[in-house]
Amino acid sequence: MTGVTGFEVSNGCGADGCSGGALNVRTGPVTAATITTTPGAYQCLYVTAFNNAGASTSPHPGCRSTPGIDIATTREWTDTSVTVPAGAAVGISATGDVYLSGVGSSQGPGGDPSCTPAADYAEHSSRFPAPQLPCWSLIARIGNGRPFEVGTSILVTATAGRLYLGVNADSFSGNTGIWAVKIKIGGLP
C-alpha cells in the first residue's frame, strides 16, 4: 500500500468484547505505534494500514508474549504497573516457591490453605495484610481496595485502579525467592 496515512491495531475484540479486553488503536501519520500490555500476557494483534483510498487487509495476527513480573517476598506490596479498567476481567497466574523465614519452609503462591492469620495467629493477625485469607499466599489489591486471594490462578471482575500484588505474611525480612506472575486483562494469561 502506498501513501499510508496511519494504522489500525486491534486484538480482534469489538468495543464490548473479550471481557473488557478490547484493544482498538487508530494512529495518525506515523510508521509505528506503542501498545501497552500486561506482564506475561500472550497478545495477538491485527495491524491494518490505511490511506485516503481505504484500508489494507490483515488476515493473520502477529502474536507475542510479554515478560512476566517477579513478585519478591521481601516487601508487602509490589506495584505491577497495570491499571485495570472498571468492569474488566483480570486474570492472574503465578508459579514458583519462596522461602519465608518466619515460616521456616518454602511456600507456593497458594500458601497454606489450612491456615488463616485471623484463626491461627489471632494475637498477631493485624500484622498480616489480609487476616482472613490463607497464610503466606499470593494476594492482590486494586488501588487501596480490600485484598483478595490470588493463589496460583484467579479470574476476577475488577474495579478501576492500579493492581498491586503481595504476600500475606507478617514479616518480610529474611524471605528469599520470587513468584513468577502473568497478568491479562480480558481472561486468564
N, C-alpha and C. Protein backbone atom coordinates (compact mmCIF):
# COMPACT_ATOMS: atom_id res chain seq x y z
N MET A 1 0.86 -1.17 0.00
CA MET A 1 0.00 0.00 0.00
C MET A 1 0.90 1.23 0.00
N THR A 2 0.60 2.19 -0.86
CA THR A 2 1.37 3.43 -0.91
C THR A 2 0.59 4.56 -0.25
N GLY A 3 1.30 5.57 0.15
CA GLY A 3 0.67 6.74 0.75
C GLY A 3 -0.02 6.45 2.07
N VAL A 4 0.58 5.60 2.89
CA VAL A 4 -0.01 5.23 4.17
C VAL A 4 -0.15 6.48 5.04
N THR A 5 -1.35 6.66 5.59
CA THR A 5 -1.60 7.81 6.47
C THR A 5 -1.77 7.40 7.92
N GLY A 6 -1.82 6.08 8.17
CA GLY A 6 -1.93 5.62 9.55
C GLY A 6 -2.16 4.13 9.62
N PHE A 7 -2.34 3.65 10.85
CA PHE A 7 -2.54 2.22 11.09
C PHE A 7 -3.68 2.03 12.07
N GLU A 8 -4.33 0.89 11.98
CA GLU A 8 -5.27 0.46 12.99
C GLU A 8 -4.73 -0.83 13.59
N VAL A 9 -4.62 -0.86 14.91
CA VAL A 9 -4.12 -2.02 15.64
C VAL A 9 -5.27 -2.53 16.50
N SER A 10 -5.57 -3.83 16.39
CA SER A 10 -6.71 -4.40 17.10
C SER A 10 -6.38 -5.80 17.57
N ASN A 11 -6.98 -6.22 18.69
CA ASN A 11 -6.84 -7.61 19.13
C ASN A 11 -8.01 -8.45 18.66
N GLY A 12 -8.86 -7.89 17.80
CA GLY A 12 -9.97 -8.64 17.24
C GLY A 12 -11.23 -8.59 18.06
N CYS A 13 -11.19 -7.92 19.20
CA CYS A 13 -12.39 -7.80 20.05
C CYS A 13 -13.14 -6.54 19.65
N GLY A 14 -14.45 -6.60 19.69
CA GLY A 14 -15.24 -5.40 19.48
C GLY A 14 -15.12 -4.50 20.70
N ALA A 15 -15.75 -3.37 20.65
CA ALA A 15 -15.66 -2.40 21.76
C ALA A 15 -16.12 -3.00 23.09
N ASP A 16 -17.07 -3.94 23.06
CA ASP A 16 -17.57 -4.54 24.29
C ASP A 16 -17.15 -6.00 24.45
N GLY A 17 -16.25 -6.48 23.60
CA GLY A 17 -15.91 -7.90 23.60
C GLY A 17 -14.75 -8.27 24.49
N CYS A 18 -14.47 -9.56 24.56
CA CYS A 18 -13.33 -10.12 25.27
C CYS A 18 -13.28 -9.73 26.75
N SER A 19 -14.42 -9.69 27.39
CA SER A 19 -14.49 -9.42 28.83
C SER A 19 -13.77 -8.14 29.23
N GLY A 20 -13.94 -7.10 28.46
CA GLY A 20 -13.33 -5.82 28.79
C GLY A 20 -11.91 -5.67 28.27
N GLY A 21 -11.45 -6.62 27.47
CA GLY A 21 -10.08 -6.58 26.97
C GLY A 21 -9.95 -6.09 25.55
N ALA A 22 -10.94 -5.33 25.05
CA ALA A 22 -10.89 -4.84 23.68
C ALA A 22 -9.74 -3.85 23.52
N LEU A 23 -9.08 -3.94 22.40
CA LEU A 23 -8.00 -3.02 22.09
C LEU A 23 -8.18 -2.60 20.65
N ASN A 24 -8.44 -1.33 20.43
CA ASN A 24 -8.56 -0.78 19.09
C ASN A 24 -7.87 0.58 19.11
N VAL A 25 -6.74 0.66 18.43
CA VAL A 25 -5.96 1.89 18.39
C VAL A 25 -5.83 2.33 16.94
N ARG A 26 -6.19 3.55 16.68
CA ARG A 26 -6.02 4.09 15.33
C ARG A 26 -5.00 5.21 15.43
N THR A 27 -3.95 5.11 14.64
CA THR A 27 -2.88 6.10 14.71
C THR A 27 -2.93 7.01 13.49
N GLY A 28 -2.31 8.13 13.61
CA GLY A 28 -2.25 9.09 12.50
C GLY A 28 -1.08 8.81 11.59
N PRO A 29 -0.53 9.83 11.00
CA PRO A 29 0.54 9.65 10.01
C PRO A 29 1.88 9.28 10.67
N VAL A 30 1.96 8.02 11.13
CA VAL A 30 3.18 7.54 11.77
C VAL A 30 3.52 6.18 11.19
N THR A 31 4.71 5.70 11.48
CA THR A 31 5.12 4.38 10.98
C THR A 31 5.18 3.35 12.09
N ALA A 32 4.84 3.74 13.33
CA ALA A 32 4.86 2.79 14.44
C ALA A 32 3.85 3.23 15.50
N ALA A 33 3.42 2.27 16.31
CA ALA A 33 2.51 2.56 17.42
C ALA A 33 2.98 1.79 18.64
N THR A 34 2.85 2.37 19.82
CA THR A 34 3.21 1.69 21.05
C THR A 34 1.93 1.16 21.68
N ILE A 35 1.91 -0.13 21.98
CA ILE A 35 0.77 -0.77 22.61
C ILE A 35 1.22 -1.21 24.01
N THR A 36 0.46 -0.82 25.01
CA THR A 36 0.76 -1.22 26.38
C THR A 36 -0.01 -2.48 26.69
N THR A 37 0.69 -3.47 27.24
CA THR A 37 0.04 -4.72 27.61
C THR A 37 0.44 -5.07 29.03
N THR A 38 0.06 -6.23 29.49
CA THR A 38 0.31 -6.62 30.87
C THR A 38 1.46 -7.62 30.96
N PRO A 39 2.08 -7.75 32.14
CA PRO A 39 3.21 -8.68 32.30
C PRO A 39 2.80 -10.14 32.07
N GLY A 40 3.53 -10.81 31.18
CA GLY A 40 3.31 -12.22 30.94
C GLY A 40 2.14 -12.53 30.05
N ALA A 41 1.58 -11.53 29.41
CA ALA A 41 0.41 -11.76 28.55
C ALA A 41 0.83 -12.24 27.18
N TYR A 42 0.06 -13.16 26.63
CA TYR A 42 0.21 -13.59 25.24
C TYR A 42 -0.80 -12.78 24.46
N GLN A 43 -0.35 -11.94 23.58
CA GLN A 43 -1.23 -11.00 22.89
C GLN A 43 -1.08 -11.17 21.39
N CYS A 44 -2.19 -11.29 20.70
CA CYS A 44 -2.22 -11.33 19.24
C CYS A 44 -2.86 -10.03 18.74
N LEU A 45 -2.23 -9.41 17.75
CA LEU A 45 -2.72 -8.14 17.23
C LEU A 45 -2.84 -8.19 15.71
N TYR A 46 -3.90 -7.59 15.20
CA TYR A 46 -4.09 -7.39 13.77
C TYR A 46 -3.65 -5.96 13.46
N VAL A 47 -2.88 -5.79 12.40
CA VAL A 47 -2.43 -4.45 12.00
C VAL A 47 -2.92 -4.19 10.58
N THR A 48 -3.63 -3.09 10.42
CA THR A 48 -4.16 -2.70 9.13
C THR A 48 -3.64 -1.31 8.81
N ALA A 49 -3.05 -1.16 7.62
CA ALA A 49 -2.62 0.16 7.16
C ALA A 49 -3.78 0.81 6.42
N PHE A 50 -3.86 2.13 6.49
CA PHE A 50 -4.90 2.81 5.72
C PHE A 50 -4.33 4.07 5.09
N ASN A 51 -4.98 4.48 4.00
CA ASN A 51 -4.66 5.73 3.32
C ASN A 51 -5.97 6.36 2.86
N ASN A 52 -5.90 7.38 2.03
CA ASN A 52 -7.11 8.08 1.59
C ASN A 52 -8.03 7.18 0.77
N ALA A 53 -7.51 6.12 0.16
CA ALA A 53 -8.31 5.23 -0.68
C ALA A 53 -8.98 4.10 0.11
N GLY A 54 -8.53 3.84 1.35
CA GLY A 54 -9.13 2.75 2.11
C GLY A 54 -8.13 2.07 3.03
N ALA A 55 -8.40 0.80 3.35
CA ALA A 55 -7.58 0.06 4.31
C ALA A 55 -7.08 -1.24 3.69
N SER A 56 -5.92 -1.67 4.13
CA SER A 56 -5.39 -2.97 3.72
C SER A 56 -6.10 -4.06 4.52
N THR A 57 -5.88 -5.30 4.13
CA THR A 57 -6.46 -6.40 4.91
C THR A 57 -5.38 -6.97 5.82
N SER A 58 -5.81 -7.52 6.93
CA SER A 58 -4.90 -8.13 7.89
C SER A 58 -5.43 -9.52 8.23
N PRO A 59 -5.15 -10.51 7.37
CA PRO A 59 -5.75 -11.83 7.56
C PRO A 59 -5.18 -12.61 8.75
N HIS A 60 -3.97 -12.34 9.15
CA HIS A 60 -3.35 -13.10 10.23
C HIS A 60 -2.77 -12.15 11.27
N PRO A 61 -3.02 -12.45 12.54
CA PRO A 61 -2.45 -11.59 13.58
C PRO A 61 -0.98 -11.92 13.83
N GLY A 62 -0.29 -10.97 14.39
CA GLY A 62 1.06 -11.20 14.91
C GLY A 62 0.93 -11.43 16.40
N CYS A 63 1.58 -12.48 16.92
CA CYS A 63 1.41 -12.85 18.34
C CYS A 63 2.75 -12.83 19.06
N ARG A 64 2.74 -12.34 20.30
CA ARG A 64 3.92 -12.28 21.14
C ARG A 64 3.54 -12.44 22.60
N SER A 65 4.49 -12.90 23.40
CA SER A 65 4.35 -12.93 24.86
C SER A 65 5.21 -11.85 25.45
N THR A 66 4.69 -11.15 26.43
CA THR A 66 5.50 -10.17 27.14
C THR A 66 6.12 -10.85 28.36
N PRO A 67 7.24 -10.34 28.85
CA PRO A 67 7.84 -10.94 30.05
C PRO A 67 6.90 -10.82 31.25
N GLY A 68 6.93 -11.81 32.12
CA GLY A 68 6.13 -11.77 33.35
C GLY A 68 6.73 -10.80 34.35
N ILE A 69 6.15 -10.76 35.52
CA ILE A 69 6.66 -9.92 36.60
C ILE A 69 7.02 -10.82 37.78
N ASP A 70 8.12 -10.51 38.43
CA ASP A 70 8.55 -11.27 39.60
C ASP A 70 8.07 -10.56 40.86
N ILE A 71 7.40 -11.32 41.72
CA ILE A 71 6.91 -10.78 42.98
C ILE A 71 7.84 -11.26 44.09
N ALA A 72 8.58 -10.33 44.65
CA ALA A 72 9.51 -10.65 45.73
C ALA A 72 8.75 -10.73 47.05
N THR A 73 9.21 -11.58 47.93
CA THR A 73 8.55 -11.75 49.23
C THR A 73 9.22 -10.90 50.31
N THR A 74 10.06 -9.97 49.90
CA THR A 74 10.76 -9.11 50.85
C THR A 74 10.02 -7.80 51.13
N ARG A 75 8.86 -7.61 50.50
CA ARG A 75 8.04 -6.42 50.77
C ARG A 75 6.57 -6.81 50.69
N GLU A 76 5.75 -6.04 51.37
CA GLU A 76 4.33 -6.36 51.47
C GLU A 76 3.62 -6.28 50.13
N TRP A 77 3.84 -5.19 49.37
CA TRP A 77 3.15 -4.99 48.10
C TRP A 77 4.12 -4.66 46.98
N THR A 78 3.84 -5.15 45.78
CA THR A 78 4.60 -4.83 44.58
C THR A 78 3.64 -4.17 43.59
N ASP A 79 4.00 -2.99 43.10
CA ASP A 79 3.22 -2.29 42.08
C ASP A 79 3.46 -2.99 40.74
N THR A 80 2.42 -3.52 40.11
CA THR A 80 2.57 -4.23 38.84
C THR A 80 2.66 -3.29 37.64
N SER A 81 2.38 -2.01 37.84
CA SER A 81 2.29 -1.01 36.78
C SER A 81 1.13 -1.27 35.84
N VAL A 82 0.16 -2.09 36.25
CA VAL A 82 -1.02 -2.38 35.46
C VAL A 82 -2.20 -1.59 36.04
N THR A 83 -2.84 -0.78 35.21
CA THR A 83 -4.05 -0.08 35.61
C THR A 83 -5.23 -0.82 35.00
N VAL A 84 -6.14 -1.24 35.86
CA VAL A 84 -7.27 -2.06 35.46
C VAL A 84 -8.48 -1.16 35.18
N PRO A 85 -9.12 -1.33 34.01
CA PRO A 85 -10.35 -0.57 33.76
C PRO A 85 -11.53 -1.15 34.55
N ALA A 86 -12.47 -0.32 34.93
CA ALA A 86 -13.64 -0.77 35.69
C ALA A 86 -14.42 -1.82 34.92
N GLY A 87 -14.80 -2.89 35.59
CA GLY A 87 -15.60 -3.94 35.00
C GLY A 87 -14.85 -4.93 34.15
N ALA A 88 -13.55 -4.76 33.99
CA ALA A 88 -12.77 -5.67 33.16
C ALA A 88 -12.48 -6.98 33.89
N ALA A 89 -12.44 -8.05 33.15
CA ALA A 89 -11.99 -9.32 33.71
C ALA A 89 -10.47 -9.28 33.76
N VAL A 90 -9.90 -9.64 34.90
CA VAL A 90 -8.45 -9.65 35.07
C VAL A 90 -8.03 -11.05 35.48
N GLY A 91 -7.14 -11.64 34.70
CA GLY A 91 -6.61 -12.96 35.02
C GLY A 91 -5.20 -12.83 35.55
N ILE A 92 -4.90 -13.56 36.61
CA ILE A 92 -3.57 -13.55 37.23
C ILE A 92 -3.20 -15.00 37.48
N SER A 93 -1.99 -15.39 37.08
CA SER A 93 -1.49 -16.73 37.40
C SER A 93 -0.06 -16.62 37.93
N ALA A 94 0.30 -17.55 38.82
CA ALA A 94 1.61 -17.48 39.47
C ALA A 94 2.20 -18.88 39.64
N THR A 95 3.52 -18.94 39.57
CA THR A 95 4.24 -20.18 39.82
C THR A 95 5.47 -19.87 40.67
N GLY A 96 6.06 -20.92 41.22
CA GLY A 96 7.31 -20.77 41.96
C GLY A 96 7.14 -21.10 43.42
N ASP A 97 8.27 -21.21 44.09
CA ASP A 97 8.32 -21.43 45.53
C ASP A 97 9.23 -20.39 46.15
N VAL A 98 8.85 -19.92 47.32
CA VAL A 98 9.64 -18.93 48.05
C VAL A 98 9.90 -19.47 49.45
N TYR A 99 10.95 -18.98 50.06
CA TYR A 99 11.27 -19.35 51.44
C TYR A 99 10.91 -18.18 52.33
N LEU A 100 10.03 -18.43 53.29
CA LEU A 100 9.60 -17.39 54.22
C LEU A 100 10.23 -17.68 55.57
N SER A 101 11.07 -16.76 56.04
CA SER A 101 11.86 -17.01 57.26
C SER A 101 10.98 -17.25 58.49
N GLY A 102 9.87 -16.54 58.61
CA GLY A 102 9.00 -16.72 59.78
C GLY A 102 8.29 -18.07 59.79
N VAL A 103 8.20 -18.70 58.63
CA VAL A 103 7.52 -19.98 58.49
C VAL A 103 8.51 -21.13 58.62
N GLY A 104 9.72 -20.89 58.11
CA GLY A 104 10.75 -21.92 58.15
C GLY A 104 10.62 -22.96 57.07
N SER A 105 9.83 -22.67 56.02
CA SER A 105 9.70 -23.61 54.91
C SER A 105 9.36 -22.84 53.64
N SER A 106 9.43 -23.56 52.52
CA SER A 106 9.08 -22.92 51.25
C SER A 106 7.56 -22.98 51.05
N GLN A 107 7.07 -22.02 50.29
CA GLN A 107 5.64 -21.91 50.01
C GLN A 107 5.43 -21.56 48.55
N GLY A 108 4.43 -22.18 47.94
CA GLY A 108 3.99 -21.78 46.62
C GLY A 108 3.02 -20.62 46.74
N PRO A 109 2.52 -20.08 45.63
CA PRO A 109 1.62 -18.93 45.69
C PRO A 109 0.29 -19.22 46.38
N GLY A 110 -0.08 -20.49 46.54
CA GLY A 110 -1.31 -20.84 47.25
C GLY A 110 -1.17 -20.74 48.75
N GLY A 111 0.07 -20.59 49.25
CA GLY A 111 0.30 -20.50 50.69
C GLY A 111 -0.14 -21.77 51.40
N ASP A 112 -0.64 -21.62 52.61
CA ASP A 112 -1.14 -22.75 53.40
C ASP A 112 -2.65 -22.58 53.57
N PRO A 113 -3.45 -23.29 52.73
CA PRO A 113 -4.90 -23.10 52.80
C PRO A 113 -5.54 -23.55 54.11
N SER A 114 -4.80 -24.31 54.93
CA SER A 114 -5.36 -24.72 56.22
C SER A 114 -5.11 -23.68 57.31
N CYS A 115 -4.48 -22.59 56.96
CA CYS A 115 -4.13 -21.55 57.93
C CYS A 115 -4.68 -20.20 57.50
N THR A 116 -5.29 -19.48 58.43
CA THR A 116 -5.63 -18.07 58.22
C THR A 116 -5.09 -17.30 59.43
N PRO A 117 -4.51 -16.14 59.19
CA PRO A 117 -3.98 -15.37 60.31
C PRO A 117 -5.02 -15.09 61.39
N ALA A 118 -6.26 -14.81 61.00
CA ALA A 118 -7.30 -14.50 61.99
C ALA A 118 -7.55 -15.66 62.94
N ALA A 119 -7.45 -16.90 62.44
CA ALA A 119 -7.71 -18.07 63.28
C ALA A 119 -6.44 -18.61 63.93
N ASP A 120 -5.33 -18.62 63.19
CA ASP A 120 -4.13 -19.27 63.68
C ASP A 120 -3.11 -18.33 64.34
N TYR A 121 -3.23 -17.04 64.09
CA TYR A 121 -2.33 -16.06 64.67
C TYR A 121 -3.14 -14.87 65.19
N ALA A 122 -4.21 -15.16 65.91
CA ALA A 122 -5.17 -14.13 66.33
C ALA A 122 -4.50 -12.94 67.00
N GLU A 123 -3.52 -13.18 67.88
CA GLU A 123 -2.88 -12.08 68.60
C GLU A 123 -1.99 -11.22 67.70
N HIS A 124 -1.61 -11.75 66.52
CA HIS A 124 -0.75 -11.00 65.59
C HIS A 124 -1.41 -10.81 64.22
N SER A 125 -2.68 -11.14 64.10
CA SER A 125 -3.32 -11.12 62.78
C SER A 125 -3.30 -9.75 62.12
N SER A 126 -3.26 -8.68 62.89
CA SER A 126 -3.25 -7.34 62.31
C SER A 126 -1.95 -7.04 61.57
N ARG A 127 -0.92 -7.84 61.79
CA ARG A 127 0.35 -7.66 61.07
C ARG A 127 0.28 -8.19 59.64
N PHE A 128 -0.72 -9.01 59.33
CA PHE A 128 -0.91 -9.56 58.00
C PHE A 128 -1.76 -8.60 57.17
N PRO A 129 -1.46 -8.42 55.89
CA PRO A 129 -2.27 -7.51 55.08
C PRO A 129 -3.70 -8.02 54.84
N ALA A 130 -3.92 -9.35 54.95
CA ALA A 130 -5.24 -9.92 54.71
C ALA A 130 -5.49 -11.05 55.72
N PRO A 131 -5.88 -10.73 56.96
CA PRO A 131 -6.01 -11.73 58.02
C PRO A 131 -7.01 -12.85 57.72
N GLN A 132 -7.98 -12.63 56.84
CA GLN A 132 -8.98 -13.66 56.55
C GLN A 132 -8.57 -14.58 55.40
N LEU A 133 -7.48 -14.27 54.71
CA LEU A 133 -7.03 -15.08 53.57
C LEU A 133 -5.94 -16.05 53.99
N PRO A 134 -5.65 -17.09 53.19
CA PRO A 134 -4.66 -18.08 53.59
C PRO A 134 -3.29 -17.47 53.92
N CYS A 135 -2.68 -18.02 54.96
CA CYS A 135 -1.34 -17.59 55.36
C CYS A 135 -0.36 -17.82 54.22
N TRP A 136 0.52 -16.87 54.02
CA TRP A 136 1.67 -16.97 53.11
C TRP A 136 1.27 -17.18 51.65
N SER A 137 0.09 -16.70 51.28
CA SER A 137 -0.38 -16.85 49.90
C SER A 137 -0.14 -15.57 49.11
N LEU A 138 -0.20 -15.70 47.79
CA LEU A 138 -0.14 -14.54 46.91
C LEU A 138 -1.50 -13.85 46.97
N ILE A 139 -1.48 -12.55 47.23
CA ILE A 139 -2.70 -11.76 47.32
C ILE A 139 -2.60 -10.55 46.40
N ALA A 140 -3.73 -9.90 46.15
CA ALA A 140 -3.76 -8.72 45.29
C ALA A 140 -4.71 -7.70 45.88
N ARG A 141 -4.54 -6.46 45.42
CA ARG A 141 -5.50 -5.41 45.72
C ARG A 141 -5.47 -4.44 44.55
N ILE A 142 -6.56 -3.74 44.36
CA ILE A 142 -6.63 -2.73 43.31
C ILE A 142 -6.76 -1.39 44.01
N GLY A 143 -5.80 -0.52 43.72
CA GLY A 143 -5.72 0.75 44.44
C GLY A 143 -5.53 0.48 45.92
N ASN A 144 -6.30 1.15 46.75
CA ASN A 144 -6.24 0.91 48.20
C ASN A 144 -7.38 0.00 48.65
N GLY A 145 -7.95 -0.76 47.69
CA GLY A 145 -9.08 -1.63 47.99
C GLY A 145 -8.70 -2.81 48.87
N ARG A 146 -9.72 -3.58 49.21
CA ARG A 146 -9.55 -4.75 50.08
C ARG A 146 -8.77 -5.84 49.36
N PRO A 147 -7.78 -6.44 50.03
CA PRO A 147 -7.02 -7.52 49.40
C PRO A 147 -7.90 -8.74 49.10
N PHE A 148 -7.54 -9.45 48.01
CA PHE A 148 -8.22 -10.69 47.66
C PHE A 148 -7.16 -11.74 47.32
N GLU A 149 -7.55 -13.00 47.46
CA GLU A 149 -6.63 -14.10 47.23
C GLU A 149 -6.41 -14.34 45.74
N VAL A 150 -5.16 -14.54 45.36
CA VAL A 150 -4.80 -14.93 44.00
C VAL A 150 -4.44 -16.41 44.00
N GLY A 151 -3.54 -16.82 44.92
CA GLY A 151 -3.07 -18.20 44.91
C GLY A 151 -2.33 -18.48 43.62
N THR A 152 -2.59 -19.62 43.00
CA THR A 152 -1.90 -19.96 41.75
C THR A 152 -2.59 -19.38 40.53
N SER A 153 -3.90 -19.07 40.64
CA SER A 153 -4.61 -18.54 39.48
C SER A 153 -5.97 -17.99 39.91
N ILE A 154 -6.36 -16.89 39.28
CA ILE A 154 -7.68 -16.31 39.55
C ILE A 154 -8.11 -15.49 38.35
N LEU A 155 -9.42 -15.44 38.14
CA LEU A 155 -10.04 -14.55 37.16
C LEU A 155 -11.10 -13.77 37.91
N VAL A 156 -10.95 -12.45 37.97
CA VAL A 156 -11.89 -11.61 38.72
C VAL A 156 -12.38 -10.46 37.84
N THR A 157 -13.56 -9.96 38.17
CA THR A 157 -14.06 -8.74 37.56
C THR A 157 -13.69 -7.62 38.51
N ALA A 158 -12.98 -6.64 37.99
CA ALA A 158 -12.33 -5.67 38.86
C ALA A 158 -12.96 -4.29 38.83
N THR A 159 -12.66 -3.54 39.89
CA THR A 159 -12.94 -2.11 39.92
C THR A 159 -11.76 -1.41 39.27
N ALA A 160 -11.90 -0.17 38.94
CA ALA A 160 -10.83 0.57 38.29
C ALA A 160 -9.73 0.91 39.27
N GLY A 161 -8.49 0.81 38.81
CA GLY A 161 -7.36 1.23 39.63
C GLY A 161 -6.09 0.45 39.32
N ARG A 162 -5.06 0.79 40.05
CA ARG A 162 -3.75 0.18 39.90
C ARG A 162 -3.72 -1.16 40.61
N LEU A 163 -3.11 -2.17 40.00
CA LEU A 163 -3.04 -3.52 40.55
C LEU A 163 -1.73 -3.72 41.32
N TYR A 164 -1.87 -4.17 42.58
CA TYR A 164 -0.72 -4.48 43.43
C TYR A 164 -0.79 -5.95 43.82
N LEU A 165 0.36 -6.61 43.90
CA LEU A 165 0.44 -7.99 44.35
C LEU A 165 1.35 -8.07 45.55
N GLY A 166 1.08 -9.02 46.45
CA GLY A 166 1.90 -9.15 47.65
C GLY A 166 1.78 -10.53 48.26
N VAL A 167 2.46 -10.70 49.37
CA VAL A 167 2.44 -11.95 50.11
C VAL A 167 1.72 -11.72 51.43
N ASN A 168 0.85 -12.64 51.79
CA ASN A 168 0.08 -12.50 53.04
C ASN A 168 0.93 -13.03 54.19
N ALA A 169 1.87 -12.22 54.63
CA ALA A 169 2.81 -12.59 55.70
C ALA A 169 2.90 -11.46 56.71
N ASP A 170 3.41 -11.79 57.89
CA ASP A 170 3.56 -10.77 58.93
C ASP A 170 4.99 -10.25 59.04
N SER A 171 5.90 -10.85 58.29
CA SER A 171 7.29 -10.41 58.30
C SER A 171 7.87 -10.56 56.89
N PHE A 172 8.70 -9.61 56.50
CA PHE A 172 9.26 -9.64 55.16
C PHE A 172 10.78 -9.69 55.16
N SER A 173 11.39 -9.64 56.33
CA SER A 173 12.85 -9.71 56.39
C SER A 173 13.28 -11.17 56.45
N GLY A 174 14.34 -11.48 55.73
CA GLY A 174 14.87 -12.84 55.70
C GLY A 174 14.19 -13.74 54.68
N ASN A 175 13.15 -13.26 54.01
CA ASN A 175 12.49 -14.05 52.98
C ASN A 175 13.35 -14.07 51.72
N THR A 176 13.28 -15.14 50.97
CA THR A 176 14.02 -15.23 49.71
C THR A 176 13.13 -15.87 48.65
N GLY A 177 13.47 -15.60 47.40
CA GLY A 177 12.76 -16.18 46.28
C GLY A 177 11.71 -15.25 45.71
N ILE A 178 11.15 -15.70 44.57
CA ILE A 178 10.13 -14.91 43.87
C ILE A 178 9.02 -15.84 43.37
N TRP A 179 7.87 -15.26 43.16
CA TRP A 179 6.81 -15.91 42.41
C TRP A 179 6.77 -15.25 41.05
N ALA A 180 6.76 -16.04 39.98
CA ALA A 180 6.67 -15.53 38.62
C ALA A 180 5.18 -15.38 38.29
N VAL A 181 4.78 -14.17 37.92
CA VAL A 181 3.37 -13.85 37.74
C VAL A 181 3.11 -13.37 36.31
N LYS A 182 1.96 -13.80 35.78
CA LYS A 182 1.45 -13.32 34.50
C LYS A 182 0.10 -12.69 34.75
N ILE A 183 -0.19 -11.61 34.04
CA ILE A 183 -1.43 -10.87 34.20
C ILE A 183 -2.03 -10.62 32.82
N LYS A 184 -3.34 -10.76 32.72
CA LYS A 184 -4.00 -10.47 31.44
C LYS A 184 -5.34 -9.81 31.70
N ILE A 185 -5.57 -8.70 31.02
CA ILE A 185 -6.88 -8.05 31.04
C ILE A 185 -7.73 -8.76 29.98
N GLY A 186 -8.88 -9.27 30.37
CA GLY A 186 -9.76 -9.92 29.43
C GLY A 186 -9.81 -11.44 29.53
N GLY A 187 -9.05 -12.04 30.44
CA GLY A 187 -9.07 -13.50 30.58
C GLY A 187 -7.86 -13.99 31.32
N LEU A 188 -7.75 -15.31 31.43
CA LEU A 188 -6.58 -15.89 32.11
C LEU A 188 -5.37 -15.82 31.19
N PRO A 189 -4.20 -15.54 31.76
CA PRO A 189 -2.98 -15.50 30.94
C PRO A 189 -2.54 -16.89 30.49
